[in-house]
C-alpha cells in the first residue's frame, strides 16, 4: 500500500479553493432565485388585501335634516328620522366608494303643523306620491383620510340630479377595524331643480341637507 503525503501548504490551498467555490455557488443561487419573504414575516401588503369594507347605516343612530331660509331672516329645519342605507369603502381606491341611503319622506318632521302639512303636500315633497328620497354616491375624492367629497345622484319627487356630498368621518374607516364609524355629510341643493317652486317670496330656494349617520361594519352579506 502506498501512502501519499500532501504537504501542509498544499492542503491549506485546497481548502481555500473549496470554500471559494462554495461561496460562488451560493451567490449564483441567490441571484437566480427571486426574493421571498418567510411565512409570518411583515410584508408590504396591499392595503386592500382584505377586499372592500362593507357597512350598514344604523337607523336608530342616524337622521337627515333639511334647512331652508325663511323670509330671508331666519330658517326652518325639517327632519327625516327614518332611513336605511349601506356604505362600501375600498381601501386604496376611494373613487370606488359607494353610499346608498334612502329615507322615508312620510316620516318627515317639522317645527309646526302648518309647515309640516305644506312640506308633505303636493307643492313640496308630495309624500303620498313620492314616499322616499334617495341618494346614491359613487365617487369619493379624499382630501385627507377623514375628509372628502362624494359625488352621486339625489332623487326626490321623481327627479334625479347630480349632487355633491361633503363628507367628514369621525375616524379613518379603513383603520377602524370592527369599530362603528360616525360621519356627517352636507350638501346644498336648489329646490326648484326638484319641482318645488312654491312660496319663493317666503321660502328660500337653497336647501342645506345634512346627513348624520353611524356606520356599522358588516361581517357578512346578510348582516
N, C-alpha and C. Protein backbone atom coordinates (compact mmCIF):
# COMPACT_ATOMS: atom_id res chain seq x y z
N UNK A 1 0.87 -1.18 0.00
CA UNK A 1 0.00 0.00 0.00
C UNK A 1 0.90 1.22 0.00
N UNK A 2 0.49 2.18 -0.85
CA UNK A 2 1.30 3.40 -0.98
C UNK A 2 0.57 4.52 -0.29
N UNK A 3 1.21 5.17 0.59
CA UNK A 3 0.63 6.32 1.29
C UNK A 3 1.15 7.60 0.66
N UNK A 4 0.14 8.47 0.24
CA UNK A 4 0.55 9.73 -0.41
C UNK A 4 0.46 10.85 0.61
N UNK A 5 1.48 11.59 0.75
CA UNK A 5 1.56 12.66 1.74
C UNK A 5 1.45 13.99 1.02
N UNK A 6 0.46 14.83 1.45
CA UNK A 6 0.29 16.18 0.87
C UNK A 6 0.89 17.19 1.81
N UNK A 7 1.82 17.94 1.31
CA UNK A 7 2.44 18.97 2.18
C UNK A 7 1.38 19.88 2.78
N UNK A 8 1.67 20.42 3.98
CA UNK A 8 0.71 21.29 4.69
C UNK A 8 0.27 22.48 3.88
N UNK A 9 1.18 23.10 3.12
CA UNK A 9 0.82 24.30 2.34
C UNK A 9 -0.18 23.97 1.26
N UNK A 10 0.02 22.80 0.60
CA UNK A 10 -0.92 22.41 -0.46
C UNK A 10 -2.28 22.11 0.10
N UNK A 11 -2.34 21.50 1.29
CA UNK A 11 -3.62 21.19 1.93
C UNK A 11 -4.41 22.46 2.24
N UNK A 12 -3.76 23.43 2.72
CA UNK A 12 -4.42 24.70 3.03
C UNK A 12 -4.96 25.37 1.78
N UNK A 13 -4.17 25.30 0.68
CA UNK A 13 -4.60 25.90 -0.58
C UNK A 13 -5.85 25.21 -1.11
N UNK A 14 -5.88 23.84 -0.97
CA UNK A 14 -7.06 23.11 -1.43
C UNK A 14 -8.30 23.49 -0.66
N UNK A 15 -8.19 23.63 0.64
CA UNK A 15 -9.35 24.04 1.46
C UNK A 15 -9.86 25.41 1.06
N UNK A 16 -8.94 26.30 0.80
CA UNK A 16 -9.33 27.65 0.41
C UNK A 16 -10.10 27.64 -0.90
N UNK A 17 -9.66 26.81 -1.85
CA UNK A 17 -10.34 26.73 -3.14
C UNK A 17 -11.75 26.18 -2.98
N UNK A 18 -11.89 25.17 -2.09
CA UNK A 18 -13.22 24.59 -1.86
C UNK A 18 -14.17 25.64 -1.27
N UNK A 19 -13.70 26.40 -0.29
CA UNK A 19 -14.53 27.45 0.32
C UNK A 19 -14.93 28.49 -0.70
N UNK A 20 -13.99 28.91 -1.54
CA UNK A 20 -14.27 29.93 -2.55
C UNK A 20 -15.31 29.45 -3.55
N UNK A 21 -15.17 28.14 -3.95
CA UNK A 21 -16.13 27.57 -4.90
C UNK A 21 -17.52 27.53 -4.31
N UNK A 22 -17.64 27.13 -3.05
CA UNK A 22 -18.94 27.05 -2.38
C UNK A 22 -19.60 28.42 -2.27
N UNK A 23 -18.82 29.42 -1.93
CA UNK A 23 -19.35 30.79 -1.81
C UNK A 23 -19.85 31.29 -3.15
N UNK A 24 -19.12 30.97 -4.23
CA UNK A 24 -19.54 31.41 -5.55
C UNK A 24 -20.85 30.78 -5.97
N UNK A 25 -21.02 29.50 -5.66
CA UNK A 25 -22.28 28.82 -6.00
C UNK A 25 -23.45 29.42 -5.25
N UNK A 26 -23.24 29.72 -3.96
CA UNK A 26 -24.31 30.32 -3.15
C UNK A 26 -24.72 31.67 -3.71
N UNK A 27 -23.73 32.45 -4.16
CA UNK A 27 -24.04 33.76 -4.72
C UNK A 27 -24.85 33.63 -5.99
N UNK A 28 -24.50 32.63 -6.86
CA UNK A 28 -25.25 32.43 -8.09
C UNK A 28 -26.67 32.01 -7.79
N UNK A 29 -26.86 31.11 -6.77
CA UNK A 29 -28.20 30.68 -6.40
C UNK A 29 -29.04 31.84 -5.92
N UNK A 30 -28.43 32.71 -5.12
CA UNK A 30 -29.16 33.87 -4.59
C UNK A 30 -29.60 34.78 -5.71
N UNK A 31 -28.74 34.92 -6.77
CA UNK A 31 -29.09 35.78 -7.90
C UNK A 31 -30.20 35.17 -8.72
N UNK A 32 -30.18 33.84 -8.86
CA UNK A 32 -31.16 33.16 -9.70
C UNK A 32 -32.52 33.10 -9.05
N UNK A 33 -32.61 32.98 -7.71
CA UNK A 33 -33.87 32.85 -7.03
C UNK A 33 -34.49 34.20 -6.77
N UNK A 34 -35.82 34.37 -6.95
CA UNK A 34 -36.48 35.64 -6.60
C UNK A 34 -36.46 35.84 -5.10
N UNK A 35 -36.52 37.11 -4.71
CA UNK A 35 -36.52 37.44 -3.29
C UNK A 35 -37.85 37.03 -2.68
N UNK A 36 -37.83 36.26 -1.62
CA UNK A 36 -39.05 35.80 -0.97
C UNK A 36 -39.06 36.22 0.47
N UNK A 37 -40.27 36.20 1.07
CA UNK A 37 -40.44 36.56 2.47
C UNK A 37 -40.90 35.34 3.22
N UNK A 38 -40.26 35.06 4.31
CA UNK A 38 -40.62 33.89 5.09
C UNK A 38 -42.03 34.01 5.63
N UNK A 39 -42.75 32.90 5.75
CA UNK A 39 -44.11 32.97 6.30
C UNK A 39 -44.12 33.65 7.66
N UNK A 40 -45.08 34.58 7.81
CA UNK A 40 -45.22 35.27 9.08
C UNK A 40 -44.40 36.54 9.17
N UNK A 41 -43.49 36.75 8.20
CA UNK A 41 -42.68 37.97 8.23
C UNK A 41 -43.49 39.12 7.69
N UNK A 42 -43.27 40.37 8.17
CA UNK A 42 -44.04 41.51 7.66
C UNK A 42 -43.71 41.76 6.20
N UNK A 43 -44.70 42.09 5.43
CA UNK A 43 -44.52 42.39 4.01
C UNK A 43 -45.25 43.66 3.67
N UNK A 44 -44.91 44.26 2.53
CA UNK A 44 -45.59 45.47 2.09
C UNK A 44 -46.88 45.06 1.39
N UNK A 45 -47.81 44.51 2.17
CA UNK A 45 -49.06 44.02 1.60
C UNK A 45 -49.92 45.18 1.15
N UNK A 46 -50.68 44.93 0.10
CA UNK A 46 -51.60 45.94 -0.40
C UNK A 46 -52.65 46.23 0.66
N UNK A 47 -53.01 47.51 0.88
CA UNK A 47 -53.98 47.83 1.91
C UNK A 47 -55.36 47.26 1.62
N UNK A 48 -55.63 46.87 0.34
CA UNK A 48 -56.94 46.35 0.03
C UNK A 48 -56.92 44.83 -0.06
N UNK A 49 -55.92 44.21 0.62
CA UNK A 49 -55.81 42.76 0.55
C UNK A 49 -57.04 42.08 1.11
N UNK A 50 -57.73 42.71 2.05
CA UNK A 50 -58.91 42.10 2.65
C UNK A 50 -60.18 42.41 1.87
N UNK A 51 -60.09 43.18 0.80
CA UNK A 51 -61.24 43.48 -0.03
C UNK A 51 -62.02 44.67 0.47
N UNK A 52 -63.17 44.96 -0.15
CA UNK A 52 -63.99 46.10 0.23
C UNK A 52 -64.48 46.01 1.68
N UNK A 53 -64.65 47.16 2.31
CA UNK A 53 -65.20 47.24 3.65
C UNK A 53 -66.68 47.61 3.53
N UNK A 54 -67.54 46.76 4.04
CA UNK A 54 -68.98 46.96 3.90
C UNK A 54 -69.60 47.36 5.24
N UNK A 55 -70.41 48.38 5.20
CA UNK A 55 -71.09 48.89 6.39
C UNK A 55 -72.58 49.02 6.10
N UNK A 56 -73.37 48.99 7.15
CA UNK A 56 -74.77 49.38 7.08
C UNK A 56 -74.94 50.62 7.94
N UNK A 57 -75.96 51.41 7.63
CA UNK A 57 -76.26 52.58 8.45
C UNK A 57 -77.18 52.16 9.59
N UNK A 58 -76.81 52.54 10.80
CA UNK A 58 -77.63 52.27 11.97
C UNK A 58 -78.74 53.32 12.01
N UNK A 59 -79.93 52.90 11.61
CA UNK A 59 -81.04 53.85 11.52
C UNK A 59 -81.39 54.48 12.86
N UNK A 60 -81.20 53.75 13.94
CA UNK A 60 -81.55 54.27 15.26
C UNK A 60 -80.60 55.37 15.72
N UNK A 61 -79.44 55.49 15.07
CA UNK A 61 -78.45 56.50 15.45
C UNK A 61 -78.14 57.44 14.30
N UNK A 62 -79.05 57.54 13.32
CA UNK A 62 -78.81 58.36 12.13
C UNK A 62 -80.06 59.15 11.79
N UNK A 63 -79.86 60.28 11.13
CA UNK A 63 -81.00 61.02 10.60
C UNK A 63 -80.55 61.99 9.52
N UNK A 64 -81.54 62.56 8.84
CA UNK A 64 -81.30 63.55 7.79
C UNK A 64 -82.11 64.79 8.13
N UNK A 65 -81.51 65.95 7.94
CA UNK A 65 -82.24 67.20 8.14
C UNK A 65 -82.10 68.08 6.91
N UNK A 66 -83.11 68.92 6.69
CA UNK A 66 -83.11 69.86 5.58
C UNK A 66 -83.45 71.25 6.12
N UNK A 67 -82.54 72.18 5.95
CA UNK A 67 -82.74 73.54 6.48
C UNK A 67 -82.90 74.51 5.32
N UNK A 68 -83.92 75.37 5.40
CA UNK A 68 -84.21 76.31 4.33
C UNK A 68 -84.41 77.70 4.92
N UNK A 69 -83.91 78.75 4.24
CA UNK A 69 -84.14 80.12 4.72
C UNK A 69 -85.63 80.46 4.70
N UNK A 70 -86.04 81.27 5.67
CA UNK A 70 -87.45 81.62 5.81
C UNK A 70 -87.56 83.13 5.98
N UNK A 71 -88.23 83.79 5.02
CA UNK A 71 -88.36 85.24 5.00
C UNK A 71 -87.00 85.93 4.91
N UNK A 72 -85.96 85.23 4.58
CA UNK A 72 -84.64 85.82 4.43
C UNK A 72 -83.99 86.22 5.74
N UNK A 73 -84.68 85.99 6.85
CA UNK A 73 -84.16 86.41 8.14
C UNK A 73 -83.85 85.24 9.07
N UNK A 74 -84.59 84.17 8.92
CA UNK A 74 -84.43 83.00 9.79
C UNK A 74 -84.42 81.76 8.92
N UNK A 75 -84.58 80.62 9.53
CA UNK A 75 -84.62 79.37 8.78
C UNK A 75 -85.54 78.38 9.49
N UNK A 76 -85.98 77.39 8.76
CA UNK A 76 -86.75 76.30 9.32
C UNK A 76 -86.09 74.98 8.92
N UNK A 77 -86.15 74.03 9.83
CA UNK A 77 -85.49 72.75 9.60
C UNK A 77 -86.50 71.61 9.70
N UNK A 78 -86.49 70.76 8.69
CA UNK A 78 -87.28 69.54 8.70
C UNK A 78 -86.35 68.36 8.90
N UNK A 79 -86.85 67.31 9.54
CA UNK A 79 -86.04 66.12 9.80
C UNK A 79 -86.70 64.89 9.19
N UNK A 80 -85.82 63.97 8.78
CA UNK A 80 -86.26 62.67 8.26
C UNK A 80 -85.59 61.60 9.13
N UNK A 81 -86.26 61.17 10.18
CA UNK A 81 -85.61 60.29 11.15
C UNK A 81 -85.54 58.81 10.75
N UNK A 82 -86.29 58.43 9.71
CA UNK A 82 -86.31 57.02 9.32
C UNK A 82 -85.56 56.82 8.02
N UNK A 83 -84.56 55.94 8.07
CA UNK A 83 -83.74 55.72 6.89
C UNK A 83 -83.17 54.32 6.90
N UNK A 84 -82.63 53.95 5.75
CA UNK A 84 -81.88 52.70 5.62
C UNK A 84 -80.79 52.95 4.59
N UNK A 85 -79.65 52.29 4.77
CA UNK A 85 -78.58 52.53 3.81
C UNK A 85 -77.37 51.65 4.03
N UNK A 86 -76.47 51.72 3.08
CA UNK A 86 -75.24 50.92 3.12
C UNK A 86 -74.09 51.76 2.59
N UNK A 87 -72.91 51.43 3.06
CA UNK A 87 -71.68 52.11 2.63
C UNK A 87 -70.65 51.04 2.28
N UNK A 88 -69.95 51.24 1.18
CA UNK A 88 -68.83 50.37 0.83
C UNK A 88 -67.61 51.23 0.56
N UNK A 89 -66.51 50.89 1.21
CA UNK A 89 -65.26 51.61 1.03
C UNK A 89 -64.19 50.61 0.59
N UNK A 90 -63.46 50.96 -0.47
CA UNK A 90 -62.40 50.09 -0.98
C UNK A 90 -61.06 50.72 -0.61
N UNK A 91 -60.32 50.14 0.33
CA UNK A 91 -59.03 50.71 0.73
C UNK A 91 -58.11 50.90 -0.47
N UNK A 92 -57.54 52.08 -0.57
CA UNK A 92 -56.63 52.38 -1.67
C UNK A 92 -57.33 52.81 -2.94
N UNK A 93 -58.67 52.72 -3.00
CA UNK A 93 -59.42 53.12 -4.18
C UNK A 93 -60.64 53.95 -3.77
N UNK A 94 -60.43 55.16 -3.28
CA UNK A 94 -61.57 55.96 -2.81
C UNK A 94 -62.59 56.24 -3.91
N UNK A 95 -62.13 56.28 -5.17
CA UNK A 95 -63.07 56.54 -6.26
C UNK A 95 -64.08 55.41 -6.43
N UNK A 96 -63.80 54.25 -5.81
CA UNK A 96 -64.73 53.12 -5.89
C UNK A 96 -65.70 53.08 -4.72
N UNK A 97 -65.63 54.05 -3.82
CA UNK A 97 -66.52 54.07 -2.66
C UNK A 97 -67.97 54.26 -3.10
N UNK A 98 -68.89 53.77 -2.29
CA UNK A 98 -70.31 53.87 -2.60
C UNK A 98 -71.11 54.07 -1.32
N UNK A 99 -72.09 54.96 -1.38
CA UNK A 99 -73.07 55.10 -0.31
C UNK A 99 -74.45 55.11 -0.94
N UNK A 100 -75.34 54.35 -0.37
CA UNK A 100 -76.71 54.27 -0.87
C UNK A 100 -77.63 54.43 0.33
N UNK A 101 -78.31 55.57 0.40
CA UNK A 101 -79.17 55.84 1.56
C UNK A 101 -80.55 56.28 1.08
N UNK A 102 -81.57 55.69 1.67
CA UNK A 102 -82.95 56.03 1.35
C UNK A 102 -83.65 56.44 2.63
N UNK A 103 -84.32 57.57 2.62
CA UNK A 103 -85.06 57.98 3.81
C UNK A 103 -86.53 58.17 3.48
N UNK A 104 -87.33 57.93 4.48
CA UNK A 104 -88.78 57.90 4.35
C UNK A 104 -89.35 59.31 4.45
N UNK A 105 -89.84 59.83 3.33
CA UNK A 105 -90.40 61.18 3.32
C UNK A 105 -91.69 61.26 4.13
N UNK A 106 -92.40 60.14 4.27
CA UNK A 106 -93.66 60.13 5.01
C UNK A 106 -93.44 60.34 6.51
N UNK A 107 -92.22 60.07 6.97
CA UNK A 107 -91.90 60.24 8.39
C UNK A 107 -91.37 61.64 8.70
N UNK A 108 -91.45 62.52 7.72
CA UNK A 108 -90.93 63.88 7.85
C UNK A 108 -91.47 64.56 9.11
N UNK A 109 -90.58 65.29 9.80
CA UNK A 109 -90.96 66.06 10.98
C UNK A 109 -90.63 67.53 10.74
N UNK A 110 -91.48 68.42 11.22
CA UNK A 110 -91.28 69.86 11.04
C UNK A 110 -91.59 70.57 12.35
N UNK A 111 -91.13 71.84 12.50
CA UNK A 111 -91.28 72.53 13.78
C UNK A 111 -92.72 72.92 14.11
N UNK A 112 -93.63 72.95 13.13
CA UNK A 112 -95.02 73.30 13.43
C UNK A 112 -95.93 72.60 12.42
N UNK A 113 -97.21 72.55 12.76
CA UNK A 113 -98.17 71.80 11.96
C UNK A 113 -98.36 72.38 10.57
N UNK A 114 -98.36 73.72 10.46
CA UNK A 114 -98.56 74.36 9.15
C UNK A 114 -97.41 73.99 8.22
N UNK A 115 -96.19 74.13 8.71
CA UNK A 115 -95.02 73.79 7.89
C UNK A 115 -95.02 72.31 7.53
N UNK A 116 -95.37 71.46 8.47
CA UNK A 116 -95.40 70.02 8.20
C UNK A 116 -96.37 69.69 7.08
N UNK A 117 -97.57 70.24 7.13
CA UNK A 117 -98.55 69.96 6.10
C UNK A 117 -98.11 70.47 4.73
N UNK A 118 -97.50 71.63 4.71
CA UNK A 118 -97.02 72.16 3.43
C UNK A 118 -95.90 71.30 2.85
N UNK A 119 -94.96 70.90 3.70
CA UNK A 119 -93.84 70.09 3.20
C UNK A 119 -94.30 68.72 2.73
N UNK A 120 -95.29 68.17 3.38
CA UNK A 120 -95.80 66.85 2.98
C UNK A 120 -96.68 66.92 1.74
N UNK A 121 -97.12 68.12 1.42
CA UNK A 121 -98.08 68.29 0.33
C UNK A 121 -97.48 68.30 -1.07
N UNK A 122 -98.37 68.49 -2.03
CA UNK A 122 -98.01 68.39 -3.45
C UNK A 122 -97.00 69.44 -3.89
N UNK A 123 -96.98 70.60 -3.24
CA UNK A 123 -96.08 71.66 -3.67
C UNK A 123 -94.64 71.46 -3.23
N UNK A 124 -94.46 70.54 -2.28
CA UNK A 124 -93.09 70.27 -1.83
C UNK A 124 -92.76 68.79 -2.03
N UNK A 125 -92.65 68.03 -0.97
CA UNK A 125 -92.18 66.65 -1.13
C UNK A 125 -93.25 65.69 -1.68
N UNK A 126 -94.52 66.05 -1.55
CA UNK A 126 -95.62 65.24 -2.10
C UNK A 126 -95.44 63.78 -1.68
N UNK A 127 -95.47 63.57 -0.39
CA UNK A 127 -95.09 62.27 0.16
C UNK A 127 -96.05 61.15 -0.19
N UNK A 128 -97.31 61.49 -0.49
CA UNK A 128 -98.26 60.44 -0.86
C UNK A 128 -97.88 59.82 -2.21
N UNK A 129 -97.32 60.61 -3.07
CA UNK A 129 -96.93 60.10 -4.40
C UNK A 129 -95.47 59.65 -4.44
N UNK A 130 -94.62 60.35 -3.70
CA UNK A 130 -93.18 60.04 -3.69
C UNK A 130 -92.75 59.79 -2.24
N UNK A 131 -92.96 58.60 -1.73
CA UNK A 131 -92.75 58.33 -0.30
C UNK A 131 -91.29 58.25 0.15
N UNK A 132 -90.36 58.16 -0.79
CA UNK A 132 -88.95 58.05 -0.39
C UNK A 132 -88.09 59.06 -1.14
N UNK A 133 -86.96 59.37 -0.53
CA UNK A 133 -85.91 60.19 -1.14
C UNK A 133 -84.63 59.38 -1.06
N UNK A 134 -83.84 59.39 -2.13
CA UNK A 134 -82.67 58.51 -2.17
C UNK A 134 -81.44 59.26 -2.69
N UNK A 135 -80.31 58.95 -2.06
CA UNK A 135 -79.02 59.45 -2.57
C UNK A 135 -78.09 58.27 -2.77
N UNK A 136 -77.51 58.18 -3.96
CA UNK A 136 -76.54 57.14 -4.27
C UNK A 136 -75.25 57.83 -4.70
N UNK A 137 -74.24 57.78 -3.84
CA UNK A 137 -72.94 58.37 -4.15
C UNK A 137 -71.99 57.30 -4.63
N UNK A 138 -71.23 57.59 -5.70
CA UNK A 138 -70.41 56.56 -6.32
C UNK A 138 -68.96 56.95 -6.52
N UNK A 139 -68.56 58.12 -6.15
CA UNK A 139 -67.17 58.52 -6.37
C UNK A 139 -66.71 59.43 -5.24
N UNK A 140 -65.79 58.92 -4.41
CA UNK A 140 -65.28 59.67 -3.26
C UNK A 140 -63.90 60.24 -3.59
N UNK A 141 -63.77 61.56 -3.45
CA UNK A 141 -62.48 62.22 -3.63
C UNK A 141 -62.00 62.68 -2.26
N UNK A 142 -60.97 62.04 -1.73
CA UNK A 142 -60.48 62.33 -0.39
C UNK A 142 -59.48 63.48 -0.41
N UNK A 143 -59.61 64.37 0.58
CA UNK A 143 -58.60 65.40 0.79
C UNK A 143 -57.73 65.06 1.99
N UNK A 144 -58.18 64.08 2.79
CA UNK A 144 -57.43 63.54 3.92
C UNK A 144 -58.07 62.19 4.24
N UNK A 145 -57.49 61.39 5.16
CA UNK A 145 -58.11 60.11 5.46
C UNK A 145 -59.53 60.20 6.02
N UNK A 146 -59.92 61.40 6.50
CA UNK A 146 -61.25 61.53 7.11
C UNK A 146 -62.13 62.59 6.45
N UNK A 147 -61.69 63.19 5.38
CA UNK A 147 -62.47 64.23 4.72
C UNK A 147 -62.46 64.03 3.21
N UNK A 148 -63.58 64.40 2.59
CA UNK A 148 -63.63 64.29 1.15
C UNK A 148 -64.97 64.74 0.61
N UNK A 149 -65.17 64.57 -0.69
CA UNK A 149 -66.43 64.88 -1.34
C UNK A 149 -66.90 63.64 -2.09
N UNK A 150 -68.19 63.40 -2.01
CA UNK A 150 -68.79 62.22 -2.63
C UNK A 150 -69.82 62.70 -3.65
N UNK A 151 -69.59 62.38 -4.89
CA UNK A 151 -70.49 62.78 -5.97
C UNK A 151 -71.47 61.66 -6.27
N UNK A 152 -72.73 62.02 -6.42
CA UNK A 152 -73.73 60.99 -6.69
C UNK A 152 -75.02 61.57 -7.20
N UNK A 153 -76.06 60.78 -7.10
CA UNK A 153 -77.36 61.15 -7.66
C UNK A 153 -78.41 61.22 -6.55
N UNK A 154 -79.05 62.37 -6.45
CA UNK A 154 -80.13 62.56 -5.49
C UNK A 154 -81.45 62.50 -6.25
N UNK A 155 -82.39 61.70 -5.71
CA UNK A 155 -83.71 61.56 -6.34
C UNK A 155 -84.78 61.98 -5.34
N UNK A 156 -85.60 62.96 -5.72
CA UNK A 156 -86.71 63.44 -4.90
C UNK A 156 -87.84 63.85 -5.82
N UNK A 157 -89.05 63.53 -5.43
CA UNK A 157 -90.24 63.84 -6.23
C UNK A 157 -90.12 63.30 -7.66
N UNK A 158 -89.44 62.18 -7.84
CA UNK A 158 -89.31 61.57 -9.15
C UNK A 158 -88.29 62.23 -10.05
N UNK A 159 -87.52 63.19 -9.52
CA UNK A 159 -86.49 63.89 -10.29
C UNK A 159 -85.12 63.54 -9.74
N UNK A 160 -84.18 63.25 -10.63
CA UNK A 160 -82.82 62.90 -10.22
C UNK A 160 -81.83 63.92 -10.76
N UNK A 161 -80.92 64.36 -9.90
CA UNK A 161 -79.86 65.29 -10.29
C UNK A 161 -78.55 64.89 -9.64
N UNK A 162 -77.46 65.25 -10.30
CA UNK A 162 -76.13 65.00 -9.73
C UNK A 162 -75.85 66.04 -8.65
N UNK A 163 -75.47 65.58 -7.48
CA UNK A 163 -75.16 66.45 -6.35
C UNK A 163 -73.87 65.97 -5.69
N UNK A 164 -73.28 66.84 -4.88
CA UNK A 164 -72.02 66.51 -4.19
C UNK A 164 -72.21 66.62 -2.69
N UNK A 165 -71.81 65.56 -1.99
CA UNK A 165 -71.92 65.49 -0.53
C UNK A 165 -70.53 65.71 0.06
N UNK A 166 -70.39 66.74 0.90
CA UNK A 166 -69.13 66.96 1.63
C UNK A 166 -69.13 66.07 2.87
N UNK A 167 -68.13 65.19 2.98
CA UNK A 167 -68.14 64.15 3.99
C UNK A 167 -67.01 64.34 5.00
N UNK A 168 -67.34 64.17 6.29
CA UNK A 168 -66.32 64.16 7.35
C UNK A 168 -66.55 62.90 8.18
N UNK A 169 -65.53 62.03 8.22
CA UNK A 169 -65.59 60.82 9.04
C UNK A 169 -65.01 61.10 10.42
N UNK A 170 -65.61 60.51 11.42
CA UNK A 170 -65.12 60.65 12.79
C UNK A 170 -63.71 60.09 12.94
N UNK A 171 -63.44 59.00 12.23
CA UNK A 171 -62.11 58.38 12.19
C UNK A 171 -61.93 57.74 10.83
N UNK A 172 -60.70 57.41 10.49
CA UNK A 172 -60.40 56.78 9.21
C UNK A 172 -61.10 55.42 9.16
N UNK A 173 -62.09 55.24 8.29
CA UNK A 173 -62.81 53.96 8.26
C UNK A 173 -61.94 52.78 7.84
N UNK A 174 -60.88 53.04 7.09
CA UNK A 174 -60.00 51.96 6.65
C UNK A 174 -59.27 51.36 7.84
N UNK A 175 -58.99 52.17 8.85
CA UNK A 175 -58.23 51.71 10.01
C UNK A 175 -59.10 51.50 11.25
N UNK A 176 -60.40 51.59 11.09
CA UNK A 176 -61.29 51.48 12.24
C UNK A 176 -61.55 50.05 12.67
N UNK A 177 -61.15 49.09 11.85
CA UNK A 177 -61.41 47.70 12.20
C UNK A 177 -62.91 47.43 12.27
N UNK A 178 -63.35 46.79 13.34
CA UNK A 178 -64.77 46.48 13.51
C UNK A 178 -65.52 47.56 14.28
N UNK A 179 -64.85 48.67 14.59
CA UNK A 179 -65.50 49.74 15.35
C UNK A 179 -66.46 50.53 14.46
N UNK A 180 -67.64 50.92 14.99
CA UNK A 180 -68.54 51.79 14.22
C UNK A 180 -67.86 53.12 13.90
N UNK A 181 -68.28 53.71 12.81
CA UNK A 181 -67.71 54.99 12.38
C UNK A 181 -68.85 55.96 12.12
N UNK A 182 -68.82 57.11 12.80
CA UNK A 182 -69.83 58.14 12.54
C UNK A 182 -69.30 59.10 11.49
N UNK A 183 -70.20 59.54 10.63
CA UNK A 183 -69.79 60.54 9.65
C UNK A 183 -70.93 61.54 9.44
N UNK A 184 -70.55 62.71 8.97
CA UNK A 184 -71.50 63.76 8.64
C UNK A 184 -71.31 64.15 7.18
N UNK A 185 -72.40 64.24 6.47
CA UNK A 185 -72.35 64.67 5.07
C UNK A 185 -73.29 65.84 4.86
N UNK A 186 -72.83 66.87 4.15
CA UNK A 186 -73.67 68.03 3.88
C UNK A 186 -73.67 68.34 2.39
N UNK A 187 -74.79 68.79 1.92
CA UNK A 187 -74.89 69.26 0.53
C UNK A 187 -75.89 70.39 0.47
N UNK A 188 -75.76 71.23 -0.53
CA UNK A 188 -76.72 72.31 -0.75
C UNK A 188 -77.34 72.12 -2.13
N UNK A 189 -78.65 72.12 -2.17
CA UNK A 189 -79.35 71.92 -3.43
C UNK A 189 -80.28 73.10 -3.69
N UNK A 190 -80.75 73.20 -4.92
CA UNK A 190 -81.76 74.18 -5.30
C UNK A 190 -83.09 73.43 -5.40
N UNK A 191 -84.04 73.76 -4.55
CA UNK A 191 -85.29 73.02 -4.51
C UNK A 191 -86.05 73.08 -5.84
N UNK A 192 -85.82 74.15 -6.61
CA UNK A 192 -86.50 74.28 -7.90
C UNK A 192 -86.10 73.20 -8.88
N UNK A 193 -84.88 72.64 -8.68
CA UNK A 193 -84.43 71.55 -9.55
C UNK A 193 -85.24 70.28 -9.35
N UNK A 194 -86.00 70.24 -8.26
CA UNK A 194 -86.82 69.06 -7.94
C UNK A 194 -88.31 69.38 -7.97
N UNK A 195 -88.66 70.43 -8.70
CA UNK A 195 -90.07 70.77 -8.90
C UNK A 195 -90.73 71.47 -7.75
N UNK A 196 -89.95 71.98 -6.78
CA UNK A 196 -90.53 72.68 -5.62
C UNK A 196 -90.35 74.19 -5.84
N UNK A 197 -91.35 74.82 -6.43
CA UNK A 197 -91.22 76.22 -6.83
C UNK A 197 -92.17 77.17 -6.09
N UNK A 198 -92.92 76.65 -5.16
CA UNK A 198 -93.92 77.47 -4.48
C UNK A 198 -93.30 78.32 -3.37
N UNK A 199 -94.02 79.41 -3.03
CA UNK A 199 -93.67 80.30 -1.90
C UNK A 199 -92.25 80.86 -2.01
N UNK A 200 -91.84 81.24 -3.20
CA UNK A 200 -90.47 81.71 -3.37
C UNK A 200 -90.22 83.06 -2.70
N UNK A 201 -91.26 83.84 -2.42
CA UNK A 201 -91.08 85.09 -1.70
C UNK A 201 -90.91 84.88 -0.20
N UNK A 202 -91.31 83.69 0.25
CA UNK A 202 -91.26 83.39 1.68
C UNK A 202 -90.14 82.40 2.00
N UNK A 203 -90.05 81.37 1.18
CA UNK A 203 -89.11 80.28 1.43
C UNK A 203 -87.94 80.38 0.44
N UNK A 204 -86.73 80.30 0.96
CA UNK A 204 -85.55 80.37 0.10
C UNK A 204 -85.45 79.16 -0.83
N UNK A 205 -84.69 79.33 -1.90
CA UNK A 205 -84.53 78.26 -2.88
C UNK A 205 -83.39 77.30 -2.55
N UNK A 206 -82.41 77.77 -1.82
CA UNK A 206 -81.27 76.93 -1.47
C UNK A 206 -81.57 76.15 -0.19
N UNK A 207 -81.42 74.85 -0.27
CA UNK A 207 -81.72 73.97 0.87
C UNK A 207 -80.45 73.26 1.29
N UNK A 208 -80.13 73.35 2.57
CA UNK A 208 -78.95 72.67 3.10
C UNK A 208 -79.37 71.34 3.73
N UNK A 209 -78.86 70.27 3.17
CA UNK A 209 -79.20 68.92 3.65
C UNK A 209 -78.01 68.37 4.43
N UNK A 210 -78.29 67.82 5.60
CA UNK A 210 -77.25 67.24 6.45
C UNK A 210 -77.59 65.80 6.78
N UNK A 211 -76.68 64.92 6.48
CA UNK A 211 -76.81 63.51 6.82
C UNK A 211 -75.86 63.21 7.97
N UNK A 212 -76.42 62.81 9.09
CA UNK A 212 -75.64 62.45 10.27
C UNK A 212 -75.86 60.95 10.51
N UNK A 213 -74.84 60.14 10.28
CA UNK A 213 -75.06 58.70 10.26
C UNK A 213 -73.97 57.94 11.00
N UNK A 214 -74.36 56.77 11.48
CA UNK A 214 -73.44 55.86 12.13
C UNK A 214 -73.30 54.61 11.26
N UNK A 215 -72.08 54.33 10.83
CA UNK A 215 -71.79 53.16 10.00
C UNK A 215 -71.37 52.00 10.90
N UNK A 216 -72.00 50.84 10.70
CA UNK A 216 -71.68 49.65 11.47
C UNK A 216 -71.14 48.58 10.51
N UNK A 217 -69.99 48.03 10.84
CA UNK A 217 -69.33 47.07 9.95
C UNK A 217 -70.18 45.80 9.78
N UNK A 218 -70.30 45.38 8.55
CA UNK A 218 -70.98 44.12 8.23
C UNK A 218 -69.96 43.00 8.19
N UNK A 219 -70.24 41.92 8.89
CA UNK A 219 -69.35 40.77 8.90
C UNK A 219 -69.69 39.79 7.78
N UNK A 220 -70.91 39.87 7.27
CA UNK A 220 -71.33 39.01 6.16
C UNK A 220 -72.40 39.73 5.38
N UNK A 221 -72.73 39.19 4.21
CA UNK A 221 -73.70 39.83 3.34
C UNK A 221 -75.06 39.96 4.01
N UNK A 222 -75.42 38.99 4.86
CA UNK A 222 -76.74 39.01 5.48
C UNK A 222 -76.86 39.92 6.68
N UNK A 223 -75.75 40.51 7.16
CA UNK A 223 -75.79 41.37 8.35
C UNK A 223 -76.55 42.66 8.06
